[in-house]
N, C-alpha and C. Protein backbone atom coordinates (compact mmCIF):
# COMPACT_ATOMS: atom_id res chain seq x y z
N MET A 1 99.58 108.44 118.84
CA MET A 1 98.20 108.47 118.41
C MET A 1 97.77 107.03 118.12
N LYS A 2 96.61 106.65 118.61
CA LYS A 2 96.07 105.31 118.39
C LYS A 2 95.45 105.27 117.00
N THR A 3 95.79 104.24 116.23
CA THR A 3 95.26 104.13 114.88
C THR A 3 94.99 102.67 114.55
N GLN A 4 94.15 102.46 113.54
CA GLN A 4 93.85 101.12 113.05
C GLN A 4 94.10 101.10 111.55
N PHE A 5 94.62 99.97 111.08
CA PHE A 5 94.91 99.84 109.66
C PHE A 5 94.96 98.38 109.27
N GLU A 6 94.95 98.13 107.98
CA GLU A 6 95.10 96.79 107.42
C GLU A 6 96.55 96.62 106.99
N SER A 7 97.11 95.46 107.33
CA SER A 7 98.49 95.21 106.92
C SER A 7 98.68 93.75 106.56
N ALA A 8 99.76 93.52 105.84
CA ALA A 8 100.15 92.15 105.48
C ALA A 8 101.67 92.08 105.56
N ILE A 9 102.17 90.90 105.86
CA ILE A 9 103.61 90.66 105.86
C ILE A 9 103.91 89.75 104.68
N ILE A 10 104.80 90.20 103.83
CA ILE A 10 105.22 89.42 102.67
C ILE A 10 106.61 88.88 102.97
N ALA A 11 106.78 87.58 102.86
CA ALA A 11 108.09 86.95 103.06
C ALA A 11 108.67 86.61 101.69
N GLU A 12 109.89 87.06 101.47
CA GLU A 12 110.56 86.78 100.20
C GLU A 12 112.05 86.66 100.45
N GLN A 13 112.65 85.62 99.92
CA GLN A 13 114.08 85.39 100.05
C GLN A 13 114.51 85.44 101.51
N GLY A 14 113.67 84.91 102.39
CA GLY A 14 114.00 84.86 103.80
C GLY A 14 113.86 86.18 104.54
N LYS A 15 113.31 87.20 103.90
CA LYS A 15 113.13 88.52 104.50
C LYS A 15 111.65 88.85 104.56
N ASN A 16 111.26 89.70 105.51
CA ASN A 16 109.86 90.12 105.63
C ASN A 16 109.71 91.59 105.28
N ILE A 17 108.60 91.90 104.61
CA ILE A 17 108.25 93.27 104.26
C ILE A 17 106.84 93.51 104.78
N ALA A 18 106.64 94.61 105.50
CA ALA A 18 105.30 94.97 105.97
C ALA A 18 104.65 95.87 104.93
N ILE A 19 103.42 95.52 104.56
CA ILE A 19 102.65 96.34 103.63
C ILE A 19 101.47 96.89 104.42
N VAL A 20 101.25 98.20 104.33
CA VAL A 20 100.17 98.84 105.06
C VAL A 20 99.27 99.56 104.07
N SER A 21 97.98 99.25 104.14
CA SER A 21 97.00 99.87 103.27
C SER A 21 96.63 101.26 103.80
N VAL A 22 96.67 102.24 102.90
CA VAL A 22 96.33 103.62 103.28
C VAL A 22 95.37 104.22 102.25
N GLN A 23 94.79 105.34 102.61
CA GLN A 23 93.90 106.07 101.69
C GLN A 23 94.74 106.72 100.59
N PRO A 24 94.19 106.88 99.39
CA PRO A 24 94.94 107.48 98.28
C PRO A 24 95.50 108.87 98.60
N ALA A 25 94.83 109.64 99.45
CA ALA A 25 95.29 110.98 99.79
C ALA A 25 96.67 110.99 100.42
N VAL A 26 97.06 109.90 101.08
CA VAL A 26 98.37 109.82 101.73
C VAL A 26 99.48 109.96 100.69
N PHE A 27 99.25 109.50 99.47
CA PHE A 27 100.27 109.54 98.43
C PHE A 27 100.45 110.94 97.83
N LYS A 28 99.58 111.87 98.15
CA LYS A 28 99.67 113.21 97.57
C LYS A 28 100.83 114.01 98.13
N ASN A 29 101.34 113.61 99.30
CA ASN A 29 102.45 114.33 99.92
C ASN A 29 103.49 113.31 100.35
N SER A 30 104.61 113.27 99.63
CA SER A 30 105.63 112.25 99.91
C SER A 30 106.25 112.44 101.30
N THR A 31 106.32 113.67 101.77
CA THR A 31 106.86 113.90 103.12
C THR A 31 105.95 113.26 104.17
N ASP A 32 104.64 113.46 104.03
CA ASP A 32 103.70 112.85 104.97
C ASP A 32 103.76 111.33 104.90
N ALA A 33 103.85 110.79 103.69
CA ALA A 33 103.91 109.34 103.53
C ALA A 33 105.18 108.79 104.18
N THR A 34 106.29 109.49 104.04
CA THR A 34 107.55 109.06 104.66
C THR A 34 107.44 109.10 106.18
N VAL A 35 106.80 110.13 106.73
CA VAL A 35 106.59 110.23 108.18
C VAL A 35 105.76 109.05 108.67
N ILE A 36 104.74 108.68 107.92
CA ILE A 36 103.89 107.54 108.30
C ILE A 36 104.72 106.25 108.31
N ILE A 37 105.55 106.05 107.29
CA ILE A 37 106.41 104.86 107.25
C ILE A 37 107.32 104.83 108.48
N LYS A 38 107.96 105.94 108.78
CA LYS A 38 108.86 106.00 109.94
C LYS A 38 108.11 105.69 111.23
N ALA A 39 106.89 106.21 111.35
CA ALA A 39 106.09 105.98 112.56
C ALA A 39 105.68 104.52 112.70
N LEU A 40 105.56 103.80 111.58
CA LEU A 40 105.15 102.40 111.60
C LEU A 40 106.29 101.43 111.86
N LEU A 41 107.52 101.87 111.72
CA LEU A 41 108.67 100.97 111.91
C LEU A 41 108.64 100.25 113.26
N PRO A 42 108.38 100.93 114.38
CA PRO A 42 108.34 100.21 115.66
C PRO A 42 107.22 99.17 115.74
N VAL A 43 106.09 99.44 115.07
CA VAL A 43 104.97 98.50 115.08
C VAL A 43 105.38 97.19 114.43
N PHE A 44 106.19 97.27 113.40
CA PHE A 44 106.62 96.08 112.66
C PHE A 44 108.05 95.67 113.02
N LYS A 45 108.47 96.06 114.22
CA LYS A 45 109.77 95.66 114.77
C LYS A 45 110.93 95.96 113.81
N GLY A 46 110.86 97.12 113.16
CA GLY A 46 111.96 97.57 112.32
C GLY A 46 112.00 97.00 110.92
N MET A 47 111.08 96.09 110.57
CA MET A 47 111.11 95.57 109.19
C MET A 47 110.69 96.68 108.24
N PRO A 48 111.15 96.64 107.00
CA PRO A 48 110.79 97.69 106.04
C PRO A 48 109.28 97.75 105.85
N VAL A 49 108.77 98.97 105.70
CA VAL A 49 107.33 99.20 105.52
C VAL A 49 107.11 99.86 104.17
N VAL A 50 106.12 99.35 103.44
CA VAL A 50 105.70 99.94 102.17
C VAL A 50 104.21 100.23 102.29
N LEU A 51 103.82 101.42 101.86
CA LEU A 51 102.40 101.79 101.86
C LEU A 51 101.78 101.38 100.53
N VAL A 52 100.51 101.00 100.57
CA VAL A 52 99.80 100.62 99.35
C VAL A 52 98.41 101.25 99.37
N THR A 53 97.96 101.64 98.21
CA THR A 53 96.59 102.09 98.02
C THR A 53 96.14 101.56 96.66
N LYS A 54 94.85 101.51 96.45
CA LYS A 54 94.34 101.03 95.17
C LYS A 54 93.47 102.11 94.53
N ASN A 55 93.53 102.17 93.19
CA ASN A 55 92.67 103.12 92.48
C ASN A 55 91.27 102.52 92.30
N GLU A 56 90.40 103.24 91.61
CA GLU A 56 89.01 102.77 91.45
C GLU A 56 88.90 101.42 90.76
N GLU A 57 89.89 101.10 89.92
CA GLU A 57 89.89 99.82 89.21
C GLU A 57 90.52 98.70 90.05
N GLY A 58 91.00 99.03 91.24
CA GLY A 58 91.60 98.03 92.11
C GLY A 58 93.07 97.78 91.86
N VAL A 59 93.70 98.64 91.06
CA VAL A 59 95.12 98.50 90.76
C VAL A 59 95.94 99.12 91.89
N PRO A 60 96.86 98.34 92.48
CA PRO A 60 97.63 98.89 93.60
C PRO A 60 98.72 99.86 93.15
N ALA A 61 98.99 100.83 94.01
CA ALA A 61 100.14 101.74 93.87
C ALA A 61 100.88 101.69 95.19
N TYR A 62 102.20 101.80 95.13
CA TYR A 62 103.02 101.63 96.32
C TYR A 62 103.85 102.88 96.60
N PHE A 63 104.18 103.07 97.88
CA PHE A 63 105.11 104.12 98.28
C PHE A 63 106.06 103.52 99.30
N GLY A 64 107.34 103.65 99.03
CA GLY A 64 108.35 103.12 99.93
C GLY A 64 109.67 103.01 99.20
N ARG A 65 110.57 102.21 99.75
CA ARG A 65 111.86 102.02 99.11
C ARG A 65 111.67 101.49 97.70
N SER A 66 112.41 102.05 96.76
CA SER A 66 112.21 101.70 95.35
C SER A 66 112.44 100.23 95.06
N ASP A 67 113.43 99.58 95.71
CA ASP A 67 113.67 98.16 95.45
C ASP A 67 112.49 97.31 95.92
N LEU A 68 111.88 97.71 97.03
CA LEU A 68 110.73 96.97 97.54
C LEU A 68 109.49 97.21 96.69
N VAL A 69 109.31 98.45 96.23
CA VAL A 69 108.19 98.76 95.35
C VAL A 69 108.29 97.95 94.07
N LEU A 70 109.48 97.90 93.48
CA LEU A 70 109.67 97.12 92.26
C LEU A 70 109.34 95.65 92.48
N PHE A 71 109.76 95.11 93.62
CA PHE A 71 109.44 93.72 93.93
C PHE A 71 107.93 93.53 94.08
N LEU A 72 107.28 94.38 94.86
CA LEU A 72 105.84 94.23 95.13
C LEU A 72 105.01 94.34 93.85
N GLU A 73 105.50 95.10 92.89
CA GLU A 73 104.79 95.22 91.62
C GLU A 73 104.78 93.92 90.83
N THR A 74 105.61 92.96 91.23
CA THR A 74 105.68 91.68 90.51
C THR A 74 104.82 90.59 91.14
N ILE A 75 104.19 90.88 92.28
CA ILE A 75 103.39 89.85 92.95
C ILE A 75 101.93 90.31 93.06
N ASN A 76 101.06 89.36 93.37
CA ASN A 76 99.64 89.67 93.57
C ASN A 76 99.40 89.83 95.08
N ILE A 77 99.31 91.07 95.54
CA ILE A 77 99.16 91.29 96.98
C ILE A 77 97.78 90.89 97.49
N ASP A 78 96.83 90.67 96.59
CA ASP A 78 95.51 90.20 97.02
C ASP A 78 95.59 88.80 97.61
N GLU A 79 96.66 88.07 97.28
CA GLU A 79 96.84 86.72 97.82
C GLU A 79 97.49 86.74 99.20
N ALA A 80 97.94 87.90 99.65
CA ALA A 80 98.56 88.02 100.97
C ALA A 80 97.49 87.87 102.06
N THR A 81 97.93 87.49 103.24
CA THR A 81 97.03 87.41 104.39
C THR A 81 97.03 88.76 105.08
N TRP A 82 95.88 89.44 105.02
CA TRP A 82 95.75 90.78 105.58
C TRP A 82 95.16 90.70 106.98
N SER A 83 95.65 91.56 107.85
CA SER A 83 95.20 91.59 109.24
C SER A 83 94.82 93.01 109.63
N HIS A 84 93.87 93.10 110.54
CA HIS A 84 93.49 94.37 111.15
C HIS A 84 94.47 94.63 112.29
N VAL A 85 95.12 95.78 112.29
CA VAL A 85 96.09 96.11 113.33
C VAL A 85 95.65 97.39 114.03
N SER A 86 95.72 97.37 115.32
CA SER A 86 95.47 98.56 116.13
C SER A 86 96.75 98.85 116.88
N ALA A 87 97.30 100.05 116.70
CA ALA A 87 98.60 100.35 117.31
C ALA A 87 98.70 101.83 117.65
N GLU A 88 99.56 102.09 118.60
CA GLU A 88 99.92 103.45 118.97
C GLU A 88 101.11 103.84 118.11
N ILE A 89 100.97 104.91 117.32
CA ILE A 89 102.10 105.34 116.50
C ILE A 89 102.45 106.78 116.85
N ASP A 90 103.73 107.10 116.69
CA ASP A 90 104.25 108.43 116.99
C ASP A 90 104.64 109.09 115.68
N LEU A 91 103.84 110.06 115.24
CA LEU A 91 104.13 110.73 113.98
C LEU A 91 105.28 111.72 114.10
N ASN A 92 105.86 111.86 115.28
CA ASN A 92 107.03 112.70 115.47
C ASN A 92 108.30 111.86 115.57
N ASN A 93 108.19 110.59 115.28
CA ASN A 93 109.32 109.66 115.36
C ASN A 93 110.43 110.12 114.41
N GLY A 94 111.63 110.24 114.92
CA GLY A 94 112.75 110.69 114.10
C GLY A 94 113.51 109.56 113.44
N ALA A 95 113.11 108.33 113.67
CA ALA A 95 113.83 107.20 113.09
C ALA A 95 113.73 107.22 111.57
N CYS A 96 114.76 106.75 110.94
CA CYS A 96 114.77 106.68 109.48
C CYS A 96 114.59 105.23 109.04
N PRO A 97 113.86 105.00 107.94
CA PRO A 97 113.76 103.63 107.44
C PRO A 97 115.14 103.11 107.10
N SER A 98 115.44 101.91 107.52
CA SER A 98 116.75 101.34 107.29
C SER A 98 116.75 100.48 106.03
N LYS A 99 117.76 100.64 105.22
CA LYS A 99 117.91 99.78 104.05
C LYS A 99 118.73 98.56 104.41
N GLU A 100 119.32 98.55 105.59
CA GLU A 100 120.16 97.43 105.98
C GLU A 100 119.30 96.22 106.30
N GLY A 101 119.85 95.05 106.04
CA GLY A 101 119.21 93.82 106.48
C GLY A 101 118.25 93.22 105.50
N ILE A 102 117.88 93.94 104.43
CA ILE A 102 116.98 93.33 103.46
C ILE A 102 117.30 93.86 102.06
N GLU A 103 117.57 92.95 101.19
CA GLU A 103 117.76 93.26 99.78
C GLU A 103 116.94 92.23 99.01
N ILE A 104 116.03 92.69 98.20
CA ILE A 104 115.17 91.81 97.40
C ILE A 104 115.56 91.97 95.95
N GLU A 105 115.86 90.87 95.30
CA GLU A 105 116.17 90.91 93.88
C GLU A 105 114.88 90.73 93.10
N VAL A 106 114.69 91.58 92.08
CA VAL A 106 113.49 91.49 91.25
C VAL A 106 113.85 91.09 89.85
């Protein structure tokens, strides 16, 4: 399915993390949010993906690997360089997010 979204790449400790902005409704179902992350892995060449949404006050909330969420909560993502991305994603992708290759200390 062809989709468009806003994303940013955060580099920390020599590793990259993809952050993708989504609507708050995506967070209501963790299974759906996990499927979206898995579908986005090929778009970001396998780098870990974390979803972000903001509440009415502009406070971000994250969904993804707990170590990455903890790290992202310590930075100001508004300072990241955000890009408009248009990509074909497969919501039936069976790939699992990999924890290998990136460990961020918080």
